[in-house]
Amino acid sequence: MAIEVRIPTILRQYTDGQKAVEGNGETLAELFADLETRHAGIQARIVDEGAGGELRRFVNVYLNDEDVRFLDGINTKIADGDNVTILPAVAGGMA
């Protein structure tokens, strides 16, 4: 069994349009590295290597509906059967 990762529309260009993909790893960092092996370019959109490999500031990641920033961030432990949701923050509104 693997971890299901829900992909937002803006990142589906890296997953050939797939809404969800499967990945493996013991932490989110390992999961994103695993996804990169099959979906080149996706990791750079989620992880900011310039900030020590932390999640990008405007990317929200949820593990089983819990914000990982309130857990251990990119080092949050994951297990088979978990669901990870990636949600880039969206800005906008009236000027």
PDB file of N, CA and C in Angstrom:
ATOM      1  N   MET A   1       0.839  -1.171   0.000  1.00  0.00           N
ATOM      2  CA  MET A   1       0.000   0.000   0.000  1.00  0.00           C
ATOM      3  C   MET A   1       0.891   1.244   0.000  1.00  0.00           C
ATOM      4  N   ALA A   2       0.426   2.311  -0.621  1.00  0.00           N
ATOM      5  CA  ALA A   2       1.215   3.530  -0.723  1.00  0.00           C
ATOM      6  C   ALA A   2       0.429   4.705  -0.141  1.00  0.00           C
ATOM      7  N   ILE A   3       1.010   5.875  -0.260  1.00  0.00           N
ATOM      8  CA  ILE A   3       0.383   7.107   0.208  1.00  0.00           C
ATOM      9  C   ILE A   3      -0.260   7.793  -0.979  1.00  0.00           C
ATOM     10  N   GLU A   4      -1.508   8.181  -0.834  1.00  0.00           N
ATOM     11  CA  GLU A   4      -2.191   8.919  -1.897  1.00  0.00           C
ATOM     12  C   GLU A   4      -1.887  10.402  -1.744  1.00  0.00           C
ATOM     13  N   VAL A   5      -1.487  11.033  -2.837  1.00  0.00           N
ATOM     14  CA  VAL A   5      -1.185  12.464  -2.833  1.00  0.00           C
ATOM     15  C   VAL A   5      -2.160  13.137  -3.788  1.00  0.00           C
ATOM     16  N   ARG A   6      -2.963  14.041  -3.259  1.00  0.00           N
ATOM     17  CA  ARG A   6      -3.919  14.785  -4.084  1.00  0.00           C
ATOM     18  C   ARG A   6      -3.211  16.007  -4.660  1.00  0.00           C
ATOM     19  N   ILE A   7      -3.310  16.131  -5.970  1.00  0.00           N
ATOM     20  CA  ILE A   7      -2.583  17.164  -6.703  1.00  0.00           C
ATOM     21  C   ILE A   7      -3.543  18.283  -7.123  1.00  0.00           C
ATOM     22  N   PRO A   8      -3.220  19.537  -6.809  1.00  0.00           N
ATOM     23  CA  PRO A   8      -4.078  20.645  -7.239  1.00  0.00           C
ATOM     24  C   PRO A   8      -3.934  20.892  -8.737  1.00  0.00           C
ATOM     25  N   THR A   9      -4.919  21.523  -9.306  1.00  0.00           N
ATOM     26  CA  THR A   9      -4.943  21.778 -10.750  1.00  0.00           C
ATOM     27  C   THR A   9      -3.655  22.404 -11.256  1.00  0.00           C
ATOM     28  N   ILE A  10      -3.125  23.376 -10.539  1.00  0.00           N
ATOM     29  CA  ILE A  10      -1.943  24.104 -10.994  1.00  0.00           C
ATOM     30  C   ILE A  10      -0.695  23.215 -11.101  1.00  0.00           C
ATOM     31  N   LEU A  11      -0.657  22.106 -10.373  1.00  0.00           N
ATOM     32  CA  LEU A  11       0.503  21.207 -10.421  1.00  0.00           C
ATOM     33  C   LEU A  11       0.270  19.964 -11.282  1.00  0.00           C
ATOM     34  N   ARG A  12      -0.901  19.827 -11.848  1.00  0.00           N
ATOM     35  CA  ARG A  12      -1.208  18.632 -12.637  1.00  0.00           C
ATOM     36  C   ARG A  12      -0.425  18.542 -13.938  1.00  0.00           C
ATOM     37  N   GLN A  13       0.181  19.636 -14.347  1.00  0.00           N
ATOM     38  CA  GLN A  13       1.038  19.585 -15.532  1.00  0.00           C
ATOM     39  C   GLN A  13       2.221  18.650 -15.305  1.00  0.00           C
ATOM     40  N   TYR A  14       2.593  18.447 -14.049  1.00  0.00           N
ATOM     41  CA  TYR A  14       3.705  17.560 -13.713  1.00  0.00           C
ATOM     42  C   TYR A  14       3.272  16.104 -13.563  1.00  0.00           C
ATOM     43  N   THR A  15       1.960  15.876 -13.435  1.00  0.00           N
ATOM     44  CA  THR A  15       1.451  14.518 -13.235  1.00  0.00           C
ATOM     45  C   THR A  15       0.607  14.050 -14.415  1.00  0.00           C
ATOM     46  N   ASP A  16       0.821  14.651 -15.576  1.00  0.00           N
ATOM     47  CA  ASP A  16       0.062  14.308 -16.780  1.00  0.00           C
ATOM     48  C   ASP A  16      -1.438  14.404 -16.548  1.00  0.00           C
ATOM     49  N   GLY A  17      -1.844  15.403 -15.786  1.00  0.00           N
ATOM     50  CA  GLY A  17      -3.255  15.669 -15.560  1.00  0.00           C
ATOM     51  C   GLY A  17      -3.904  14.852 -14.460  1.00  0.00           C
ATOM     52  N   GLN A  18      -3.153  13.993 -13.814  1.00  0.00           N
ATOM     53  CA  GLN A  18      -3.728  13.163 -12.757  1.00  0.00           C
ATOM     54  C   GLN A  18      -4.088  13.989 -11.530  1.00  0.00           C
ATOM     55  N   LYS A  19      -5.276  13.743 -10.978  1.00  0.00           N
ATOM     56  CA  LYS A  19      -5.737  14.438  -9.778  1.00  0.00           C
ATOM     57  C   LYS A  19      -5.103  13.887  -8.516  1.00  0.00           C
ATOM     58  N   ALA A  20      -4.692  12.629  -8.562  1.00  0.00           N
ATOM     59  CA  ALA A  20      -4.054  11.991  -7.415  1.00  0.00           C
ATOM     60  C   ALA A  20      -3.004  11.010  -7.921  1.00  0.00           C
ATOM     61  N   VAL A  21      -1.916  10.927  -7.190  1.00  0.00           N
ATOM     62  CA  VAL A  21      -0.838   9.985  -7.521  1.00  0.00           C
ATOM     63  C   VAL A  21      -0.450   9.264  -6.239  1.00  0.00           C
ATOM     64  N   GLU A  22       0.281   8.188  -6.387  1.00  0.00           N
ATOM     65  CA  GLU A  22       0.750   7.454  -5.217  1.00  0.00           C
ATOM     66  C   GLU A  22       2.246   7.646  -5.056  1.00  0.00           C
ATOM     67  N   GLY A  23       2.684   7.637  -3.822  1.00  0.00           N
ATOM     68  CA  GLY A  23       4.098   7.774  -3.527  1.00  0.00           C
ATOM     69  C   GLY A  23       4.457   6.993  -2.283  1.00  0.00           C
ATOM     70  N   ASN A  24       5.745   6.950  -2.006  1.00  0.00           N
ATOM     71  CA  ASN A  24       6.249   6.215  -0.849  1.00  0.00           C
ATOM     72  C   ASN A  24       7.259   7.049  -0.095  1.00  0.00           C
ATOM     73  N   GLY A  25       7.442   6.736   1.165  1.00  0.00           N
ATOM     74  CA  GLY A  25       8.422   7.402   2.004  1.00  0.00           C
ATOM     75  C   GLY A  25       7.995   7.322   3.451  1.00  0.00           C
ATOM     76  N   GLU A  26       8.932   7.607   4.323  1.00  0.00           N
ATOM     77  CA  GLU A  26       8.631   7.597   5.758  1.00  0.00           C
ATOM     78  C   GLU A  26       8.335   8.996   6.286  1.00  0.00           C
ATOM     79  N   THR A  27       8.745  10.023   5.517  1.00  0.00           N
ATOM     80  CA  THR A  27       8.463  11.417   5.870  1.00  0.00           C
ATOM     81  C   THR A  27       7.958  12.125   4.631  1.00  0.00           C
ATOM     82  N   LEU A  28       7.420  13.321   4.813  1.00  0.00           N
ATOM     83  CA  LEU A  28       6.987  14.096   3.651  1.00  0.00           C
ATOM     84  C   LEU A  28       8.160  14.400   2.728  1.00  0.00           C
ATOM     85  N   ALA A  29       9.323  14.698   3.294  1.00  0.00           N
ATOM     86  CA  ALA A  29      10.503  14.980   2.474  1.00  0.00           C
ATOM     87  C   ALA A  29      10.809  13.795   1.561  1.00  0.00           C
ATOM     88  N   GLU A  30      10.761  12.575   2.107  1.00  0.00           N
ATOM     89  CA  GLU A  30      11.017  11.375   1.301  1.00  0.00           C
ATOM     90  C   GLU A  30       9.915  11.161   0.269  1.00  0.00           C
ATOM     91  N   LEU A  31       8.675  11.452   0.655  1.00  0.00           N
ATOM     92  CA  LEU A  31       7.557  11.320  -0.276  1.00  0.00           C
ATOM     93  C   LEU A  31       7.733  12.256  -1.472  1.00  0.00           C
ATOM     94  N   PHE A  32       8.086  13.514  -1.214  1.00  0.00           N
ATOM     95  CA  PHE A  32       8.252  14.472  -2.312  1.00  0.00           C
ATOM     96  C   PHE A  32       9.441  14.095  -3.199  1.00  0.00           C
ATOM     97  N   ALA A  33      10.498  13.565  -2.615  1.00  0.00           N
ATOM     98  CA  ALA A  33      11.643  13.088  -3.401  1.00  0.00           C
ATOM     99  C   ALA A  33      11.222  11.902  -4.265  1.00  0.00           C
ATOM    100  N   ASP A  34      10.390  11.020  -3.717  1.00  0.00           N
ATOM    101  CA  ASP A  34       9.886   9.883  -4.475  1.00  0.00           C
ATOM    102  C   ASP A  34       9.008  10.348  -5.633  1.00  0.00           C
ATOM    103  N   LEU A  35       8.146  11.317  -5.387  1.00  0.00           N
ATOM    104  CA  LEU A  35       7.294  11.846  -6.462  1.00  0.00           C
ATOM    105  C   LEU A  35       8.142  12.445  -7.579  1.00  0.00           C
ATOM    106  N   GLU A  36       9.213  13.108  -7.198  1.00  0.00           N
ATOM    107  CA  GLU A  36      10.096  13.742  -8.192  1.00  0.00           C
ATOM    108  C   GLU A  36      10.663  12.723  -9.172  1.00  0.00           C
ATOM    109  N   THR A  37      10.883  11.488  -8.738  1.00  0.00           N
ATOM    110  CA  THR A  37      11.454  10.463  -9.633  1.00  0.00           C
ATOM    111  C   THR A  37      10.503  10.099 -10.766  1.00  0.00           C
ATOM    112  N   ARG A  38       9.197  10.267 -10.541  1.00  0.00           N
ATOM    113  CA  ARG A  38       8.207   9.942 -11.578  1.00  0.00           C
ATOM    114  C   ARG A  38       7.543  11.162 -12.188  1.00  0.00           C
ATOM    115  N   HIS A  39       7.618  12.290 -11.509  1.00  0.00           N
ATOM    116  CA  HIS A  39       6.949  13.511 -11.953  1.00  0.00           C
ATOM    117  C   HIS A  39       7.939  14.673 -11.852  1.00  0.00           C
ATOM    118  N   ALA A  40       8.899  14.682 -12.739  1.00  0.00           N
ATOM    119  CA  ALA A  40       9.987  15.663 -12.709  1.00  0.00           C
ATOM    120  C   ALA A  40       9.471  17.094 -12.652  1.00  0.00           C
ATOM    121  N   GLY A  41      10.028  17.854 -11.713  1.00  0.00           N
ATOM    122  CA  GLY A  41       9.700  19.266 -11.566  1.00  0.00           C
ATOM    123  C   GLY A  41       8.718  19.565 -10.454  1.00  0.00           C
ATOM    124  N   ILE A  42       8.002  18.563  -9.979  1.00  0.00           N
ATOM    125  CA  ILE A  42       6.968  18.819  -8.967  1.00  0.00           C
ATOM    126  C   ILE A  42       7.573  19.191  -7.618  1.00  0.00           C
ATOM    127  N   GLN A  43       8.680  18.585  -7.247  1.00  0.00           N
ATOM    128  CA  GLN A  43       9.274  18.851  -5.935  1.00  0.00           C
ATOM    129  C   GLN A  43       9.677  20.312  -5.785  1.00  0.00           C
ATOM    130  N   ALA A  44      10.206  20.910  -6.838  1.00  0.00           N
ATOM    131  CA  ALA A  44      10.641  22.311  -6.773  1.00  0.00           C
ATOM    132  C   ALA A  44       9.469  23.261  -6.558  1.00  0.00           C
ATOM    133  N   ARG A  45       8.273  22.836  -6.910  1.00  0.00           N
ATOM    134  CA  ARG A  45       7.081  23.667  -6.707  1.00  0.00           C
ATOM    135  C   ARG A  45       6.530  23.550  -5.293  1.00  0.00           C
ATOM    136  N   ILE A  46       6.986  22.540  -4.553  1.00  0.00           N
ATOM    137  CA  ILE A  46       6.485  22.297  -3.206  1.00  0.00           C
ATOM    138  C   ILE A  46       7.523  22.650  -2.146  1.00  0.00           C
ATOM    139  N   VAL A  47       8.776  22.328  -2.431  1.00  0.00           N
ATOM    140  CA  VAL A  47       9.865  22.478  -1.462  1.00  0.00           C
ATOM    141  C   VAL A  47      10.794  23.606  -1.900  1.00  0.00           C
ATOM    142  N   ASP A  48      11.162  24.474  -0.971  1.00  0.00           N
ATOM    143  CA  ASP A  48      12.070  25.584  -1.240  1.00  0.00           C
ATOM    144  C   ASP A  48      13.476  25.186  -0.789  1.00  0.00           C
ATOM    145  N   GLU A  49      14.290  24.739  -1.732  1.00  0.00           N
ATOM    146  CA  GLU A  49      15.649  24.299  -1.399  1.00  0.00           C
ATOM    147  C   GLU A  49      16.484  25.441  -0.837  1.00  0.00           C
ATOM    148  N   GLY A  50      16.178  26.672  -1.223  1.00  0.00           N
ATOM    149  CA  GLY A  50      16.908  27.832  -0.719  1.00  0.00           C
ATOM    150  C   GLY A  50      16.609  28.132   0.744  1.00  0.00           C
ATOM    151  N   ALA A  51      15.527  27.571   1.246  1.00  0.00           N
ATOM    152  CA  ALA A  51      15.147  27.783   2.640  1.00  0.00           C
ATOM    153  C   ALA A  51      15.417  26.529   3.462  1.00  0.00           C
ATOM    154  N   GLY A  52      16.459  25.823   3.107  1.00  0.00           N
ATOM    155  CA  GLY A  52      16.832  24.630   3.864  1.00  0.00           C
ATOM    156  C   GLY A  52      15.948  23.429   3.610  1.00  0.00           C
ATOM    157  N   GLY A  53      15.262  23.432   2.467  1.00  0.00           N
ATOM    158  CA  GLY A  53      14.423  22.294   2.126  1.00  0.00           C
ATOM    159  C   GLY A  53      13.073  22.287   2.811  1.00  0.00           C
ATOM    160  N   GLU A  54      12.631  23.442   3.286  1.00  0.00           N
ATOM    161  CA  GLU A  54      11.314  23.541   3.930  1.00  0.00           C
ATOM    162  C   GLU A  54      10.224  23.703   2.873  1.00  0.00           C
ATOM    163  N   LEU A  55       8.985  23.556   3.287  1.00  0.00           N
ATOM    164  CA  LEU A  55       7.866  23.778   2.378  1.00  0.00           C
ATOM    165  C   LEU A  55       7.871  25.229   1.909  1.00  0.00           C
ATOM    166  N   ARG A  56       7.498  25.428   0.663  1.00  0.00           N
ATOM    167  CA  ARG A  56       7.389  26.797   0.162  1.00  0.00           C
ATOM    168  C   ARG A  56       6.359  27.554   0.994  1.00  0.00           C
ATOM    169  N   ARG A  57       6.588  28.821   1.131  1.00  0.00           N
ATOM    170  CA  ARG A  57       5.775  29.659   2.008  1.00  0.00           C
ATOM    171  C   ARG A  57       4.288  29.634   1.644  1.00  0.00           C
ATOM    172  N   PHE A  58       3.989  29.622   0.364  1.00  0.00           N
ATOM    173  CA  PHE A  58       2.598  29.699  -0.066  1.00  0.00           C
ATOM    174  C   PHE A  58       2.052  28.359  -0.529  1.00  0.00           C
ATOM    175  N   VAL A  59       2.596  27.283  -0.001  1.00  0.00           N
ATOM    176  CA  VAL A  59       2.085  25.947  -0.284  1.00  0.00           C
ATOM    177  C   VAL A  59       1.645  25.324   1.039  1.00  0.00           C
ATOM    178  N   ASN A  60       0.404  24.923   1.094  1.00  0.00           N
ATOM    179  CA  ASN A  60      -0.131  24.264   2.285  1.00  0.00           C
ATOM    180  C   ASN A  60      -0.201  22.770   2.015  1.00  0.00           C
ATOM    181  N   VAL A  61       0.244  21.983   2.965  1.00  0.00           N
ATOM    182  CA  VAL A  61       0.225  20.535   2.841  1.00  0.00           C
ATOM    183  C   VAL A  61      -0.523  19.971   4.040  1.00  0.00           C
ATOM    184  N   TYR A  62      -1.442  19.065   3.746  1.00  0.00           N
ATOM    185  CA  TYR A  62      -2.253  18.445   4.793  1.00  0.00           C
ATOM    186  C   TYR A  62      -2.027  16.943   4.795  1.00  0.00           C
ATOM    187  N   LEU A  63      -1.840  16.399   5.970  1.00  0.00           N
ATOM    188  CA  LEU A  63      -1.727  14.959   6.160  1.00  0.00           C
ATOM    189  C   LEU A  63      -3.004  14.511   6.855  1.00  0.00           C
ATOM    190  N   ASN A  64      -3.812  13.734   6.134  1.00  0.00           N
ATOM    191  CA  ASN A  64      -5.099  13.284   6.685  1.00  0.00           C
ATOM    192  C   ASN A  64      -5.893  14.466   7.251  1.00  0.00           C
ATOM    193  N   ASP A  65      -5.952  15.554   6.487  1.00  0.00           N
ATOM    194  CA  ASP A  65      -6.708  16.769   6.818  1.00  0.00           C
ATOM    195  C   ASP A  65      -6.108  17.615   7.946  1.00  0.00           C
ATOM    196  N   GLU A  66      -4.864  17.336   8.351  1.00  0.00           N
ATOM    197  CA  GLU A  66      -4.210  18.147   9.377  1.00  0.00           C
ATOM    198  C   GLU A  66      -3.029  18.889   8.757  1.00  0.00           C
ATOM    199  N   ASP A  67      -2.967  20.186   8.976  1.00  0.00           N
ATOM    200  CA  ASP A  67      -1.911  21.031   8.425  1.00  0.00           C
ATOM    201  C   ASP A  67      -0.557  20.592   8.993  1.00  0.00           C
ATOM    202  N   VAL A  68       0.370  20.218   8.111  1.00  0.00           N
ATOM    203  CA  VAL A  68       1.664  19.696   8.570  1.00  0.00           C
ATOM    204  C   VAL A  68       2.534  20.768   9.214  1.00  0.00           C
ATOM    205  N   ARG A  69       2.216  22.035   9.015  1.00  0.00           N
ATOM    206  CA  ARG A  69       2.986  23.099   9.675  1.00  0.00           C
ATOM    207  C   ARG A  69       2.797  23.040  11.198  1.00  0.00           C
ATOM    208  N   PHE A  70       1.689  22.426  11.635  1.00  0.00           N
ATOM    209  CA  PHE A  70       1.439  22.267  13.068  1.00  0.00           C
ATOM    210  C   PHE A  70       1.911  20.905  13.562  1.00  0.00           C
ATOM    211  N   LEU A  71       2.491  20.127  12.667  1.00  0.00           N
ATOM    212  CA  LEU A  71       3.091  18.845  13.033  1.00  0.00           C
ATOM    213  C   LEU A  71       4.601  19.042  12.988  1.00  0.00           C
ATOM    214  N   ASP A  72       5.290  18.296  12.139  1.00  0.00           N
ATOM    215  CA  ASP A  72       6.741  18.453  12.009  1.00  0.00           C
ATOM    216  C   ASP A  72       7.149  18.973  10.634  1.00  0.00           C
ATOM    217  N   GLY A  73       6.236  19.701   9.963  1.00  0.00           N
ATOM    218  CA  GLY A  73       6.563  20.263   8.660  1.00  0.00           C
ATOM    219  C   GLY A  73       6.984  19.195   7.670  1.00  0.00           C
ATOM    220  N   ILE A  74       8.039  19.465   6.931  1.00  0.00           N
ATOM    221  CA  ILE A  74       8.529  18.549   5.904  1.00  0.00           C
ATOM    222  C   ILE A  74       9.035  17.233   6.495  1.00  0.00           C
ATOM    223  N   ASN A  75       9.329  17.229   7.779  1.00  0.00           N
ATOM    224  CA  ASN A  75       9.814  16.020   8.455  1.00  0.00           C
ATOM    225  C   ASN A  75       8.698  15.208   9.114  1.00  0.00           C
ATOM    226  N   THR A  76       7.453  15.570   8.843  1.00  0.00           N
ATOM    227  CA  THR A  76       6.319  14.837   9.390  1.00  0.00           C
ATOM    228  C   THR A  76       6.353  13.387   8.922  1.00  0.00           C
ATOM    229  N   LYS A  77       6.193  12.477   9.869  1.00  0.00           N
ATOM    230  CA  LYS A  77       6.169  11.048   9.552  1.00  0.00           C
ATOM    231  C   LYS A  77       4.863  10.701   8.847  1.00  0.00           C
ATOM    232  N   ILE A  78       4.954   9.802   7.858  1.00  0.00           N
ATOM    233  CA  ILE A  78       3.782   9.328   7.141  1.00  0.00           C
ATOM    234  C   ILE A  78       3.810   7.807   7.116  1.00  0.00           C
ATOM    235  N   ALA A  79       2.642   7.214   6.831  1.00  0.00           N
ATOM    236  CA  ALA A  79       2.536   5.762   6.819  1.00  0.00           C
ATOM    237  C   ALA A  79       1.640   5.322   5.666  1.00  0.00           C
ATOM    238  N   ASP A  80       1.774   4.058   5.291  1.00  0.00           N
ATOM    239  CA  ASP A  80       0.924   3.503   4.241  1.00  0.00           C
ATOM    240  C   ASP A  80      -0.536   3.778   4.555  1.00  0.00           C
ATOM    241  N   GLY A  81      -1.259   4.183   3.529  1.00  0.00           N
ATOM    242  CA  GLY A  81      -2.677   4.459   3.691  1.00  0.00           C
ATOM    243  C   GLY A  81      -2.992   5.901   4.017  1.00  0.00           C
ATOM    244  N   ASP A  82      -1.971   6.710   4.330  1.00  0.00           N
ATOM    245  CA  ASP A  82      -2.199   8.128   4.604  1.00  0.00           C
ATOM    246  C   ASP A  82      -2.590   8.854   3.322  1.00  0.00           C
ATOM    247  N   ASN A  83      -3.255   9.990   3.507  1.00  0.00           N
ATOM    248  CA  ASN A  83      -3.596  10.875   2.393  1.00  0.00           C
ATOM    249  C   ASN A  83      -2.895  12.206   2.596  1.00  0.00           C
ATOM    250  N   VAL A  84      -2.238  12.671   1.550  1.00  0.00           N
ATOM    251  CA  VAL A  84      -1.562  13.963   1.579  1.00  0.00           C
ATOM    252  C   VAL A  84      -2.226  14.853   0.541  1.00  0.00           C
ATOM    253  N   THR A  85      -2.591  16.052   0.945  1.00  0.00           N
ATOM    254  CA  THR A  85      -3.210  17.015   0.045  1.00  0.00           C
ATOM    255  C   THR A  85      -2.302  18.227  -0.059  1.00  0.00           C
ATOM    256  N   ILE A  86      -2.008  18.634  -1.293  1.00  0.00           N
ATOM    257  CA  ILE A  86      -1.187  19.816  -1.553  1.00  0.00           C
ATOM    258  C   ILE A  86      -2.122  20.924  -2.026  1.00  0.00           C
ATOM    259  N   LEU A  87      -2.077  22.074  -1.345  1.00  0.00           N
ATOM    260  CA  LEU A  87      -2.932  23.199  -1.703  1.00  0.00           C
ATOM    261  C   LEU A  87      -2.124  24.487  -1.761  1.00  0.00           C
ATOM    262  N   PRO A  88      -1.768  24.934  -2.953  1.00  0.00           N
ATOM    263  CA  PRO A  88      -1.102  26.238  -3.055  1.00  0.00           C
ATOM    264  C   PRO A  88      -2.072  27.336  -2.644  1.00  0.00           C
ATOM    265  N   ALA A  89      -1.582  28.313  -1.904  1.00  0.00           N
ATOM    266  CA  ALA A  89      -2.422  29.444  -1.520  1.00  0.00           C
ATOM    267  C   ALA A  89      -2.761  30.226  -2.777  1.00  0.00           C
ATOM    268  N   VAL A  90      -3.977  30.728  -2.805  1.00  0.00           N
ATOM    269  CA  VAL A  90      -4.438  31.494  -3.955  1.00  0.00           C
ATOM    270  C   VAL A  90      -4.717  32.917  -3.497  1.00  0.00           C
ATOM    271  N   ALA A  91      -4.134  33.863  -4.207  1.00  0.00           N
ATOM    272  CA  ALA A  91      -4.358  35.272  -3.893  1.00  0.00           C
ATOM    273  C   ALA A  91      -5.317  35.860  -4.911  1.00  0.00           C
ATOM    274  N   GLY A  92      -5.956  36.897  -4.536  1.00  0.00           N
ATOM    275  CA  GLY A  92      -6.860  37.544  -5.489  1.00  0.00           C
ATOM    276  C   GLY A  92      -7.859  38.401  -4.764  1.00  0.00           C
ATOM    277  N   GLY A  93      -8.787  38.868  -5.521  1.00  0.00           N
ATOM    278  CA  GLY A  93      -9.829  39.710  -4.944  1.00  0.00           C
ATOM    279  C   GLY A  93      -9.970  40.977  -5.748  1.00  0.00           C
ATOM    280  N   MET A  94     -10.718  41.887  -5.229  1.00  0.00           N
ATOM    281  CA  MET A  94     -10.953  43.136  -5.936  1.00  0.00           C
ATOM    282  C   MET A  94      -9.834  44.125  -5.651  1.00  0.00           C
ATOM    283  N   ALA A  95      -9.484  44.860  -6.652  1.00  0.00           N
ATOM    284  CA  ALA A  95      -8.420  45.855  -6.504  1.00  0.00           C
ATOM    285  C   ALA A  95      -8.965  47.173  -6.026  1.00  0.00           C
TER     286      ALA A  95
END
